[in-house]
mmCIF file of all heavy atoms, coordinates in Angstrom:
data_MODEL
# 
_entry.id   MODEL 
# 
loop_
_atom_site.group_PDB 
_atom_site.id 
_atom_site.type_symbol 
_atom_site.label_atom_id 
_atom_site.label_alt_id 
_atom_site.label_comp_id 
_atom_site.label_asym_id 
_atom_site.label_entity_id 
_atom_site.label_seq_id 
_atom_site.pdbx_PDB_ins_code 
_atom_site.Cartn_x 
_atom_site.Cartn_y 
_atom_site.Cartn_z 
_atom_site.occupancy 
_atom_site.B_iso_or_equiv 
_atom_site.pdbx_formal_charge 
_atom_site.auth_seq_id 
_atom_site.auth_comp_id 
_atom_site.auth_asym_id 
_atom_site.auth_atom_id 
_atom_site.pdbx_PDB_model_num 
ATOM 1   N N   . MET A 1 1  ? -4.138 132.872 53.046 1.00 0.00 ? 1  MET A N   1 
ATOM 2   C CA  . MET A 1 1  ? -3.499 132.600 51.759 1.00 0.00 ? 1  MET A CA  1 
ATOM 3   C C   . MET A 1 1  ? -3.790 131.154 51.342 1.00 0.00 ? 1  MET A C   1 
ATOM 4   O O   . MET A 1 1  ? -2.920 130.279 51.416 1.00 0.00 ? 1  MET A O   1 
ATOM 5   C CB  . MET A 1 1  ? -1.993 132.864 51.857 1.00 0.00 ? 1  MET A CB  1 
ATOM 6   C CG  . MET A 1 1  ? -1.330 133.160 50.519 1.00 0.00 ? 1  MET A CG  1 
ATOM 7   S SD  . MET A 1 1  ? 0.408  133.696 50.717 1.00 0.00 ? 1  MET A SD  1 
ATOM 8   C CE  . MET A 1 1  ? 0.178  135.365 51.333 1.00 0.00 ? 1  MET A CE  1 
ATOM 9   N N   . PRO A 1 2  ? -5.013 130.883 50.887 1.00 0.00 ? 2  PRO A N   1 
ATOM 10  C CA  . PRO A 1 2  ? -5.375 129.507 50.499 1.00 0.00 ? 2  PRO A CA  1 
ATOM 11  C C   . PRO A 1 2  ? -4.447 128.968 49.414 1.00 0.00 ? 2  PRO A C   1 
ATOM 12  O O   . PRO A 1 2  ? -4.119 129.663 48.456 1.00 0.00 ? 2  PRO A O   1 
ATOM 13  C CB  . PRO A 1 2  ? -6.806 129.651 49.970 1.00 0.00 ? 2  PRO A CB  1 
ATOM 14  C CG  . PRO A 1 2  ? -7.322 130.903 50.604 1.00 0.00 ? 2  PRO A CG  1 
ATOM 15  C CD  . PRO A 1 2  ? -6.136 131.818 50.727 1.00 0.00 ? 2  PRO A CD  1 
ATOM 16  N N   . GLY A 1 3  ? -4.009 127.729 49.602 1.00 0.00 ? 3  GLY A N   1 
ATOM 17  C CA  . GLY A 1 3  ? -3.165 127.081 48.613 1.00 0.00 ? 3  GLY A CA  1 
ATOM 18  C C   . GLY A 1 3  ? -1.682 127.316 48.796 1.00 0.00 ? 3  GLY A C   1 
ATOM 19  O O   . GLY A 1 3  ? -0.864 126.702 48.081 1.00 0.00 ? 3  GLY A O   1 
ATOM 20  N N   . TYR A 1 4  ? -1.307 128.175 49.754 1.00 0.00 ? 4  TYR A N   1 
ATOM 21  C CA  . TYR A 1 4  ? 0.123  128.410 49.956 1.00 0.00 ? 4  TYR A CA  1 
ATOM 22  C C   . TYR A 1 4  ? 0.789  127.105 50.383 1.00 0.00 ? 4  TYR A C   1 
ATOM 23  O O   . TYR A 1 4  ? 0.256  126.350 51.198 1.00 0.00 ? 4  TYR A O   1 
ATOM 24  C CB  . TYR A 1 4  ? 0.343  129.499 51.012 1.00 0.00 ? 4  TYR A CB  1 
ATOM 25  C CG  . TYR A 1 4  ? 1.759  130.011 51.035 1.00 0.00 ? 4  TYR A CG  1 
ATOM 26  C CD1 . TYR A 1 4  ? 2.206  130.899 50.066 1.00 0.00 ? 4  TYR A CD1 1 
ATOM 27  C CD2 . TYR A 1 4  ? 2.659  129.601 52.010 1.00 0.00 ? 4  TYR A CD2 1 
ATOM 28  C CE1 . TYR A 1 4  ? 3.511  131.372 50.072 1.00 0.00 ? 4  TYR A CE1 1 
ATOM 29  C CE2 . TYR A 1 4  ? 3.967  130.061 52.034 1.00 0.00 ? 4  TYR A CE2 1 
ATOM 30  C CZ  . TYR A 1 4  ? 4.388  130.947 51.055 1.00 0.00 ? 4  TYR A CZ  1 
ATOM 31  O OH  . TYR A 1 4  ? 5.688  131.395 51.064 1.00 0.00 ? 4  TYR A OH  1 
ATOM 32  N N   . PHE A 1 5  ? 1.981  126.843 49.858 1.00 0.00 ? 5  PHE A N   1 
ATOM 33  C CA  . PHE A 1 5  ? 2.581  125.522 50.027 1.00 0.00 ? 5  PHE A CA  1 
ATOM 34  C C   . PHE A 1 5  ? 2.983  125.216 51.460 1.00 0.00 ? 5  PHE A C   1 
ATOM 35  O O   . PHE A 1 5  ? 2.821  124.093 51.935 1.00 0.00 ? 5  PHE A O   1 
ATOM 36  C CB  . PHE A 1 5  ? 3.797  125.377 49.115 1.00 0.00 ? 5  PHE A CB  1 
ATOM 37  C CG  . PHE A 1 5  ? 4.451  124.019 49.231 1.00 0.00 ? 5  PHE A CG  1 
ATOM 38  C CD1 . PHE A 1 5  ? 3.887  122.921 48.619 1.00 0.00 ? 5  PHE A CD1 1 
ATOM 39  C CD2 . PHE A 1 5  ? 5.606  123.847 49.982 1.00 0.00 ? 5  PHE A CD2 1 
ATOM 40  C CE1 . PHE A 1 5  ? 4.463  121.665 48.744 1.00 0.00 ? 5  PHE A CE1 1 
ATOM 41  C CE2 . PHE A 1 5  ? 6.188  122.598 50.110 1.00 0.00 ? 5  PHE A CE2 1 
ATOM 42  C CZ  . PHE A 1 5  ? 5.611  121.502 49.494 1.00 0.00 ? 5  PHE A CZ  1 
ATOM 43  N N   . LEU A 1 6  ? 3.533  126.176 52.174 1.00 0.00 ? 6  LEU A N   1 
ATOM 44  C CA  . LEU A 1 6  ? 4.095  125.925 53.503 1.00 0.00 ? 6  LEU A CA  1 
ATOM 45  C C   . LEU A 1 6  ? 3.216  126.591 54.556 1.00 0.00 ? 6  LEU A C   1 
ATOM 46  O O   . LEU A 1 6  ? 3.080  127.812 54.565 1.00 0.00 ? 6  LEU A O   1 
ATOM 47  C CB  . LEU A 1 6  ? 5.519  126.478 53.579 1.00 0.00 ? 6  LEU A CB  1 
ATOM 48  C CG  . LEU A 1 6  ? 6.335  126.107 54.826 1.00 0.00 ? 6  LEU A CG  1 
ATOM 49  C CD1 . LEU A 1 6  ? 6.634  124.614 54.843 1.00 0.00 ? 6  LEU A CD1 1 
ATOM 50  C CD2 . LEU A 1 6  ? 7.629  126.904 54.885 1.00 0.00 ? 6  LEU A CD2 1 
ATOM 51  N N   . ASN A 1 7  ? 2.630  125.789 55.448 1.00 0.00 ? 7  ASN A N   1 
ATOM 52  C CA  . ASN A 1 7  ? 1.623  126.324 56.374 1.00 0.00 ? 7  ASN A CA  1 
ATOM 53  C C   . ASN A 1 7  ? 1.968  126.217 57.854 1.00 0.00 ? 7  ASN A C   1 
ATOM 54  O O   . ASN A 1 7  ? 1.346  126.920 58.662 1.00 0.00 ? 7  ASN A O   1 
ATOM 55  C CB  . ASN A 1 7  ? 0.285  125.611 56.158 1.00 0.00 ? 7  ASN A CB  1 
ATOM 56  C CG  . ASN A 1 7  ? -0.220 125.697 54.742 1.00 0.00 ? 7  ASN A CG  1 
ATOM 57  O OD1 . ASN A 1 7  ? -0.538 124.693 54.130 1.00 0.00 ? 7  ASN A OD1 1 
ATOM 58  N ND2 . ASN A 1 7  ? -0.285 126.907 54.199 1.00 0.00 ? 7  ASN A ND2 1 
ATOM 59  N N   . THR A 1 8  ? 2.882  125.347 58.258 1.00 0.00 ? 8  THR A N   1 
ATOM 60  C CA  . THR A 1 8  ? 3.131  125.134 59.679 1.00 0.00 ? 8  THR A CA  1 
ATOM 61  C C   . THR A 1 8  ? 4.630  125.093 59.983 1.00 0.00 ? 8  THR A C   1 
ATOM 62  O O   . THR A 1 8  ? 5.442  124.785 59.108 1.00 0.00 ? 8  THR A O   1 
ATOM 63  C CB  . THR A 1 8  ? 2.508  123.806 60.161 1.00 0.00 ? 8  THR A CB  1 
ATOM 64  O OG1 . THR A 1 8  ? 3.207  122.705 59.551 1.00 0.00 ? 8  THR A OG1 1 
ATOM 65  C CG2 . THR A 1 8  ? 1.032  123.728 59.831 1.00 0.00 ? 8  THR A CG2 1 
ATOM 66  N N   . SER A 1 9  ? 4.949  125.378 61.229 1.00 0.00 ? 9  SER A N   1 
ATOM 67  C CA  . SER A 1 9  ? 6.346  125.283 61.650 1.00 0.00 ? 9  SER A CA  1 
ATOM 68  C C   . SER A 1 9  ? 6.847  123.857 61.562 1.00 0.00 ? 9  SER A C   1 
ATOM 69  O O   . SER A 1 9  ? 8.021  123.610 61.258 1.00 0.00 ? 9  SER A O   1 
ATOM 70  C CB  . SER A 1 9  ? 6.511  125.827 63.069 1.00 0.00 ? 9  SER A CB  1 
ATOM 71  O OG  . SER A 1 9  ? 5.765  125.069 64.007 1.00 0.00 ? 9  SER A OG  1 
ATOM 72  N N   . THR A 1 10 ? 5.958  122.898 61.807 1.00 0.00 ? 10 THR A N   1 
ATOM 73  C CA  . THR A 1 10 ? 6.339  121.484 61.703 1.00 0.00 ? 10 THR A CA  1 
ATOM 74  C C   . THR A 1 10 ? 6.769  121.154 60.280 1.00 0.00 ? 10 THR A C   1 
ATOM 75  O O   . THR A 1 10 ? 7.812  120.511 60.052 1.00 0.00 ? 10 THR A O   1 
ATOM 76  C CB  . THR A 1 10 ? 5.172  120.583 62.127 1.00 0.00 ? 10 THR A CB  1 
ATOM 77  O OG1 . THR A 1 10 ? 4.798  120.896 63.468 1.00 0.00 ? 10 THR A OG1 1 
ATOM 78  C CG2 . THR A 1 10 ? 5.552  119.115 62.046 1.00 0.00 ? 10 THR A CG2 1 
ATOM 79  N N   . ALA A 1 11 ? 5.975  121.606 59.300 1.00 0.00 ? 11 ALA A N   1 
ATOM 80  C CA  . ALA A 1 11 ? 6.335  121.383 57.899 1.00 0.00 ? 11 ALA A CA  1 
ATOM 81  C C   . ALA A 1 11 ? 7.600  122.153 57.541 1.00 0.00 ? 11 ALA A C   1 
ATOM 82  O O   . ALA A 1 11 ? 8.442  121.664 56.768 1.00 0.00 ? 11 ALA A O   1 
ATOM 83  C CB  . ALA A 1 11 ? 5.183  121.801 56.991 1.00 0.00 ? 11 ALA A CB  1 
ATOM 84  N N   . GLY A 1 12 ? 7.744  123.337 58.122 1.00 0.00 ? 12 GLY A N   1 
ATOM 85  C CA  . GLY A 1 12 ? 8.942  124.115 57.854 1.00 0.00 ? 12 GLY A CA  1 
ATOM 86  C C   . GLY A 1 12 ? 10.202 123.419 58.326 1.00 0.00 ? 12 GLY A C   1 
ATOM 87  O O   . GLY A 1 12 ? 11.231 123.422 57.633 1.00 0.00 ? 12 GLY A O   1 
ATOM 88  N N   . ARG A 1 13 ? 10.147 122.816 59.503 1.00 0.00 ? 13 ARG A N   1 
ATOM 89  C CA  . ARG A 1 13 ? 11.313 122.087 60.008 1.00 0.00 ? 13 ARG A CA  1 
ATOM 90  C C   . ARG A 1 13 ? 11.645 120.888 59.127 1.00 0.00 ? 13 ARG A C   1 
ATOM 91  O O   . ARG A 1 13 ? 12.817 120.544 58.933 1.00 0.00 ? 13 ARG A O   1 
ATOM 92  C CB  . ARG A 1 13 ? 11.078 121.648 61.458 1.00 0.00 ? 13 ARG A CB  1 
ATOM 93  C CG  . ARG A 1 13 ? 10.982 122.768 62.464 1.00 0.00 ? 13 ARG A CG  1 
ATOM 94  C CD  . ARG A 1 13 ? 12.256 123.612 62.530 1.00 0.00 ? 13 ARG A CD  1 
ATOM 95  N NE  . ARG A 1 13 ? 13.423 122.870 62.939 1.00 0.00 ? 13 ARG A NE  1 
ATOM 96  C CZ  . ARG A 1 13 ? 13.817 122.710 64.203 1.00 0.00 ? 13 ARG A CZ  1 
ATOM 97  N NH1 . ARG A 1 13 ? 13.112 123.250 65.190 1.00 0.00 ? 13 ARG A NH1 1 
ATOM 98  N NH2 . ARG A 1 13 ? 14.916 122.037 64.492 1.00 0.00 ? 13 ARG A NH2 1 
ATOM 99  N N   . LYS A 1 14 ? 10.613 120.237 58.596 1.00 0.00 ? 14 LYS A N   1 
ATOM 100 C CA  . LYS A 1 14 ? 10.842 119.109 57.690 1.00 0.00 ? 14 LYS A CA  1 
ATOM 101 C C   . LYS A 1 14 ? 11.573 119.579 56.434 1.00 0.00 ? 14 LYS A C   1 
ATOM 102 O O   . LYS A 1 14 ? 12.526 118.933 55.974 1.00 0.00 ? 14 LYS A O   1 
ATOM 103 C CB  . LYS A 1 14 ? 9.513  118.463 57.318 1.00 0.00 ? 14 LYS A CB  1 
ATOM 104 C CG  . LYS A 1 14 ? 9.627  117.333 56.307 1.00 0.00 ? 14 LYS A CG  1 
ATOM 105 C CD  . LYS A 1 14 ? 8.262  116.830 55.859 1.00 0.00 ? 14 LYS A CD  1 
ATOM 106 C CE  . LYS A 1 14 ? 8.387  115.794 54.747 1.00 0.00 ? 14 LYS A CE  1 
ATOM 107 N NZ  . LYS A 1 14 ? 7.062  115.395 54.205 1.00 0.00 ? 14 LYS A NZ  1 
ATOM 108 N N   . ILE A 1 15 ? 11.144 120.699 55.879 1.00 0.00 ? 15 ILE A N   1 
ATOM 109 C CA  . ILE A 1 15 ? 11.795 121.243 54.689 1.00 0.00 ? 15 ILE A CA  1 
ATOM 110 C C   . ILE A 1 15 ? 13.231 121.641 55.006 1.00 0.00 ? 15 ILE A C   1 
ATOM 111 O O   . ILE A 1 15 ? 14.165 121.367 54.229 1.00 0.00 ? 15 ILE A O   1 
ATOM 112 C CB  . ILE A 1 15 ? 11.002 122.442 54.148 1.00 0.00 ? 15 ILE A CB  1 
ATOM 113 C CG1 . ILE A 1 15 ? 9.651  121.989 53.579 1.00 0.00 ? 15 ILE A CG1 1 
ATOM 114 C CG2 . ILE A 1 15 ? 11.811 123.194 53.091 1.00 0.00 ? 15 ILE A CG2 1 
ATOM 115 C CD1 . ILE A 1 15 ? 9.734  121.086 52.370 1.00 0.00 ? 15 ILE A CD1 1 
ATOM 116 N N   . MET A 1 16 ? 13.446 122.277 56.154 1.00 0.00 ? 16 MET A N   1 
ATOM 117 C CA  . MET A 1 16 ? 14.795 122.677 56.536 1.00 0.00 ? 16 MET A CA  1 
ATOM 118 C C   . MET A 1 16 ? 15.727 121.476 56.635 1.00 0.00 ? 16 MET A C   1 
ATOM 119 O O   . MET A 1 16 ? 16.879 121.537 56.197 1.00 0.00 ? 16 MET A O   1 
ATOM 120 C CB  . MET A 1 16 ? 14.763 123.426 57.864 1.00 0.00 ? 16 MET A CB  1 
ATOM 121 C CG  . MET A 1 16 ? 14.137 124.807 57.782 1.00 0.00 ? 16 MET A CG  1 
ATOM 122 S SD  . MET A 1 16 ? 14.023 125.607 59.403 1.00 0.00 ? 16 MET A SD  1 
ATOM 123 C CE  . MET A 1 16 ? 15.761 125.759 59.819 1.00 0.00 ? 16 MET A CE  1 
ATOM 124 N N   . ALA A 1 17 ? 15.220 120.385 57.190 1.00 0.00 ? 17 ALA A N   1 
ATOM 125 C CA  . ALA A 1 17 ? 16.038 119.179 57.309 1.00 0.00 ? 17 ALA A CA  1 
ATOM 126 C C   . ALA A 1 17 ? 16.402 118.631 55.935 1.00 0.00 ? 17 ALA A C   1 
ATOM 127 O O   . ALA A 1 17 ? 17.525 118.164 55.708 1.00 0.00 ? 17 ALA A O   1 
ATOM 128 C CB  . ALA A 1 17 ? 15.302 118.129 58.129 1.00 0.00 ? 17 ALA A CB  1 
ATOM 129 N N   . ALA A 1 18 ? 15.455 118.689 55.001 1.00 0.00 ? 18 ALA A N   1 
ATOM 130 C CA  . ALA A 1 18 ? 15.714 118.182 53.654 1.00 0.00 ? 18 ALA A CA  1 
ATOM 131 C C   . ALA A 1 18 ? 16.693 119.067 52.900 1.00 0.00 ? 18 ALA A C   1 
ATOM 132 O O   . ALA A 1 18 ? 17.567 118.581 52.173 1.00 0.00 ? 18 ALA A O   1 
ATOM 133 C CB  . ALA A 1 18 ? 14.397 118.066 52.880 1.00 0.00 ? 18 ALA A CB  1 
ATOM 134 N N   . VAL A 1 19 ? 16.574 120.379 53.071 1.00 0.00 ? 19 VAL A N   1 
ATOM 135 C CA  . VAL A 1 19 ? 17.482 121.310 52.390 1.00 0.00 ? 19 VAL A CA  1 
ATOM 136 C C   . VAL A 1 19 ? 18.893 121.202 52.955 1.00 0.00 ? 19 VAL A C   1 
ATOM 137 O O   . VAL A 1 19 ? 19.879 121.255 52.223 1.00 0.00 ? 19 VAL A O   1 
ATOM 138 C CB  . VAL A 1 19 ? 16.953 122.752 52.519 1.00 0.00 ? 19 VAL A CB  1 
ATOM 139 C CG1 . VAL A 1 19 ? 17.956 123.758 51.956 1.00 0.00 ? 19 VAL A CG1 1 
ATOM 140 C CG2 . VAL A 1 19 ? 15.617 122.890 51.792 1.00 0.00 ? 19 VAL A CG2 1 
ATOM 141 N N   . SER A 1 20 ? 18.997 121.080 54.262 1.00 0.00 ? 20 SER A N   1 
ATOM 142 C CA  . SER A 1 20 ? 20.273 120.850 54.946 1.00 0.00 ? 20 SER A CA  1 
ATOM 143 C C   . SER A 1 20 ? 21.318 121.913 54.612 1.00 0.00 ? 20 SER A C   1 
ATOM 144 O O   . SER A 1 20 ? 22.420 121.608 54.166 1.00 0.00 ? 20 SER A O   1 
ATOM 145 C CB  . SER A 1 20 ? 20.812 119.451 54.590 1.00 0.00 ? 20 SER A CB  1 
ATOM 146 O OG  . SER A 1 20 ? 21.944 119.138 55.380 1.00 0.00 ? 20 SER A OG  1 
ATOM 147 N N   . ARG A 1 21 ? 20.939 123.167 54.848 1.00 0.00 ? 21 ARG A N   1 
ATOM 148 C CA  . ARG A 1 21 ? 21.868 124.274 54.680 1.00 0.00 ? 21 ARG A CA  1 
ATOM 149 C C   . ARG A 1 21 ? 21.866 125.088 55.974 1.00 0.00 ? 21 ARG A C   1 
ATOM 150 O O   . ARG A 1 21 ? 20.798 125.475 56.461 1.00 0.00 ? 21 ARG A O   1 
ATOM 151 C CB  . ARG A 1 21 ? 21.482 125.172 53.506 1.00 0.00 ? 21 ARG A CB  1 
ATOM 152 C CG  . ARG A 1 21 ? 21.595 124.496 52.135 1.00 0.00 ? 21 ARG A CG  1 
ATOM 153 C CD  . ARG A 1 21 ? 23.037 124.134 51.797 1.00 0.00 ? 21 ARG A CD  1 
ATOM 154 N NE  . ARG A 1 21 ? 23.193 123.665 50.429 1.00 0.00 ? 21 ARG A NE  1 
ATOM 155 C CZ  . ARG A 1 21 ? 23.056 122.414 50.025 1.00 0.00 ? 21 ARG A CZ  1 
ATOM 156 N NH1 . ARG A 1 21 ? 22.731 121.471 50.919 1.00 0.00 ? 21 ARG A NH1 1 
ATOM 157 N NH2 . ARG A 1 21 ? 23.240 122.078 48.767 1.00 0.00 ? 21 ARG A NH2 1 
ATOM 158 N N   . PRO A 1 22 ? 23.034 125.394 56.537 1.00 0.00 ? 22 PRO A N   1 
ATOM 159 C CA  . PRO A 1 22 ? 23.068 126.064 57.846 1.00 0.00 ? 22 PRO A CA  1 
ATOM 160 C C   . PRO A 1 22 ? 22.508 127.475 57.830 1.00 0.00 ? 22 PRO A C   1 
ATOM 161 O O   . PRO A 1 22 ? 22.128 127.999 58.878 1.00 0.00 ? 22 PRO A O   1 
ATOM 162 C CB  . PRO A 1 22 ? 24.561 126.065 58.211 1.00 0.00 ? 22 PRO A CB  1 
ATOM 163 C CG  . PRO A 1 22 ? 25.273 125.932 56.906 1.00 0.00 ? 22 PRO A CG  1 
ATOM 164 C CD  . PRO A 1 22 ? 24.392 125.081 56.048 1.00 0.00 ? 22 PRO A CD  1 
ATOM 165 N N   . ASN A 1 23 ? 22.457 128.118 56.690 1.00 0.00 ? 23 ASN A N   1 
ATOM 166 C CA  . ASN A 1 23 ? 21.951 129.493 56.622 1.00 0.00 ? 23 ASN A CA  1 
ATOM 167 C C   . ASN A 1 23 ? 20.480 129.561 56.217 1.00 0.00 ? 23 ASN A C   1 
ATOM 168 O O   . ASN A 1 23 ? 19.969 130.641 55.921 1.00 0.00 ? 23 ASN A O   1 
ATOM 169 C CB  . ASN A 1 23 ? 22.793 130.348 55.676 1.00 0.00 ? 23 ASN A CB  1 
ATOM 170 C CG  . ASN A 1 23 ? 22.681 129.923 54.214 1.00 0.00 ? 23 ASN A CG  1 
ATOM 171 O OD1 . ASN A 1 23 ? 22.629 128.727 53.922 1.00 0.00 ? 23 ASN A OD1 1 
ATOM 172 N ND2 . ASN A 1 23 ? 22.658 130.886 53.307 1.00 0.00 ? 23 ASN A ND2 1 
ATOM 173 N N   . LEU A 1 24 ? 19.771 128.419 56.207 1.00 0.00 ? 24 LEU A N   1 
ATOM 174 C CA  . LEU A 1 24 ? 18.323 128.414 56.021 1.00 0.00 ? 24 LEU A CA  1 
ATOM 175 C C   . LEU A 1 24 ? 17.669 128.382 57.392 1.00 0.00 ? 24 LEU A C   1 
ATOM 176 O O   . LEU A 1 24 ? 17.907 127.470 58.188 1.00 0.00 ? 24 LEU A O   1 
ATOM 177 C CB  . LEU A 1 24 ? 17.866 127.209 55.199 1.00 0.00 ? 24 LEU A CB  1 
ATOM 178 C CG  . LEU A 1 24 ? 16.348 127.057 55.059 1.00 0.00 ? 24 LEU A CG  1 
ATOM 179 C CD1 . LEU A 1 24 ? 15.736 128.247 54.321 1.00 0.00 ? 24 LEU A CD1 1 
ATOM 180 C CD2 . LEU A 1 24 ? 15.994 125.748 54.357 1.00 0.00 ? 24 LEU A CD2 1 
ATOM 181 N N   . LYS A 1 25 ? 16.850 129.383 57.681 1.00 0.00 ? 25 LYS A N   1 
ATOM 182 C CA  . LYS A 1 25 ? 16.199 129.496 58.980 1.00 0.00 ? 25 LYS A CA  1 
ATOM 183 C C   . LYS A 1 25 ? 14.689 129.667 58.812 1.00 0.00 ? 25 LYS A C   1 
ATOM 184 O O   . LYS A 1 25 ? 14.192 129.950 57.715 1.00 0.00 ? 25 LYS A O   1 
ATOM 185 C CB  . LYS A 1 25 ? 16.766 130.688 59.763 1.00 0.00 ? 25 LYS A CB  1 
ATOM 186 C CG  . LYS A 1 25 ? 18.249 130.572 60.094 1.00 0.00 ? 25 LYS A CG  1 
ATOM 187 C CD  . LYS A 1 25 ? 18.525 129.468 61.096 1.00 0.00 ? 25 LYS A CD  1 
ATOM 188 C CE  . LYS A 1 25 ? 19.984 129.403 61.495 1.00 0.00 ? 25 LYS A CE  1 
ATOM 189 N NZ  . LYS A 1 25 ? 20.245 128.335 62.495 1.00 0.00 ? 25 LYS A NZ  1 
ATOM 190 N N   . LEU A 1 26 ? 13.999 129.534 59.916 1.00 0.00 ? 26 LEU A N   1 
ATOM 191 C CA  . LEU A 1 26 ? 12.548 129.640 59.952 1.00 0.00 ? 26 LEU A CA  1 
ATOM 192 C C   . LEU A 1 26 ? 12.146 131.086 60.237 1.00 0.00 ? 26 LEU A C   1 
ATOM 193 O O   . LEU A 1 26 ? 12.650 131.708 61.168 1.00 0.00 ? 26 LEU A O   1 
ATOM 194 C CB  . LEU A 1 26 ? 12.004 128.727 61.043 1.00 0.00 ? 26 LEU A CB  1 
ATOM 195 C CG  . LEU A 1 26 ? 10.508 128.413 61.076 1.00 0.00 ? 26 LEU A CG  1 
ATOM 196 C CD1 . LEU A 1 26 ? 10.097 127.629 59.840 1.00 0.00 ? 26 LEU A CD1 1 
ATOM 197 C CD2 . LEU A 1 26 ? 10.174 127.643 62.347 1.00 0.00 ? 26 LEU A CD2 1 
ATOM 198 N N   . GLN A 1 27 ? 11.257 131.608 59.411 1.00 0.00 ? 27 GLN A N   1 
ATOM 199 C CA  . GLN A 1 27 ? 10.629 132.894 59.691 1.00 0.00 ? 27 GLN A CA  1 
ATOM 200 C C   . GLN A 1 27 ? 9.360  132.582 60.483 1.00 0.00 ? 27 GLN A C   1 
ATOM 201 O O   . GLN A 1 27 ? 8.363  132.134 59.923 1.00 0.00 ? 27 GLN A O   1 
ATOM 202 C CB  . GLN A 1 27 ? 10.317 133.633 58.392 1.00 0.00 ? 27 GLN A CB  1 
ATOM 203 C CG  . GLN A 1 27 ? 9.809  135.048 58.588 1.00 0.00 ? 27 GLN A CG  1 
ATOM 204 C CD  . GLN A 1 27 ? 9.828  135.818 57.281 1.00 0.00 ? 27 GLN A CD  1 
ATOM 205 O OE1 . GLN A 1 27 ? 10.797 135.757 56.515 1.00 0.00 ? 27 GLN A OE1 1 
ATOM 206 N NE2 . GLN A 1 27 ? 8.768  136.559 56.997 1.00 0.00 ? 27 GLN A NE2 1 
ATOM 207 N N   . PHE A 1 28 ? 9.419  132.808 61.776 1.00 0.00 ? 28 PHE A N   1 
ATOM 208 C CA  . PHE A 1 28 ? 8.370  132.358 62.700 1.00 0.00 ? 28 PHE A CA  1 
ATOM 209 C C   . PHE A 1 28 ? 7.400  133.504 62.949 1.00 0.00 ? 28 PHE A C   1 
ATOM 210 O O   . PHE A 1 28 ? 7.654  134.384 63.775 1.00 0.00 ? 28 PHE A O   1 
ATOM 211 C CB  . PHE A 1 28 ? 9.002  131.883 64.008 1.00 0.00 ? 28 PHE A CB  1 
ATOM 212 C CG  . PHE A 1 28 ? 8.069  131.154 64.934 1.00 0.00 ? 28 PHE A CG  1 
ATOM 213 C CD1 . PHE A 1 28 ? 8.045  129.762 64.961 1.00 0.00 ? 28 PHE A CD1 1 
ATOM 214 C CD2 . PHE A 1 28 ? 7.226  131.846 65.786 1.00 0.00 ? 28 PHE A CD2 1 
ATOM 215 C CE1 . PHE A 1 28 ? 7.185  129.078 65.821 1.00 0.00 ? 28 PHE A CE1 1 
ATOM 216 C CE2 . PHE A 1 28 ? 6.366  131.186 66.647 1.00 0.00 ? 28 PHE A CE2 1 
ATOM 217 C CZ  . PHE A 1 28 ? 6.346  129.791 66.665 1.00 0.00 ? 28 PHE A CZ  1 
ATOM 218 N N   . ASP A 1 29 ? 6.309  133.513 62.206 1.00 0.00 ? 29 ASP A N   1 
ATOM 219 C CA  . ASP A 1 29 ? 5.281  134.527 62.364 1.00 0.00 ? 29 ASP A CA  1 
ATOM 220 C C   . ASP A 1 29 ? 4.261  134.022 63.383 1.00 0.00 ? 29 ASP A C   1 
ATOM 221 O O   . ASP A 1 29 ? 3.554  133.040 63.136 1.00 0.00 ? 29 ASP A O   1 
ATOM 222 C CB  . ASP A 1 29 ? 4.616  134.812 61.019 1.00 0.00 ? 29 ASP A CB  1 
ATOM 223 C CG  . ASP A 1 29 ? 3.702  136.019 61.058 1.00 0.00 ? 29 ASP A CG  1 
ATOM 224 O OD1 . ASP A 1 29 ? 2.854  136.083 61.970 1.00 0.00 ? 29 ASP A OD1 1 
ATOM 225 O OD2 . ASP A 1 29 ? 3.811  136.891 60.169 1.00 0.00 ? 29 ASP A OD2 1 
# 
């Protein structure tokens, strides 16, 4: 999926920290 905004678990954790909501979780494929 070229151009997709979120590509790595590392980036996902960064976004989760910024959102700071307890019900936001990582879909780990």
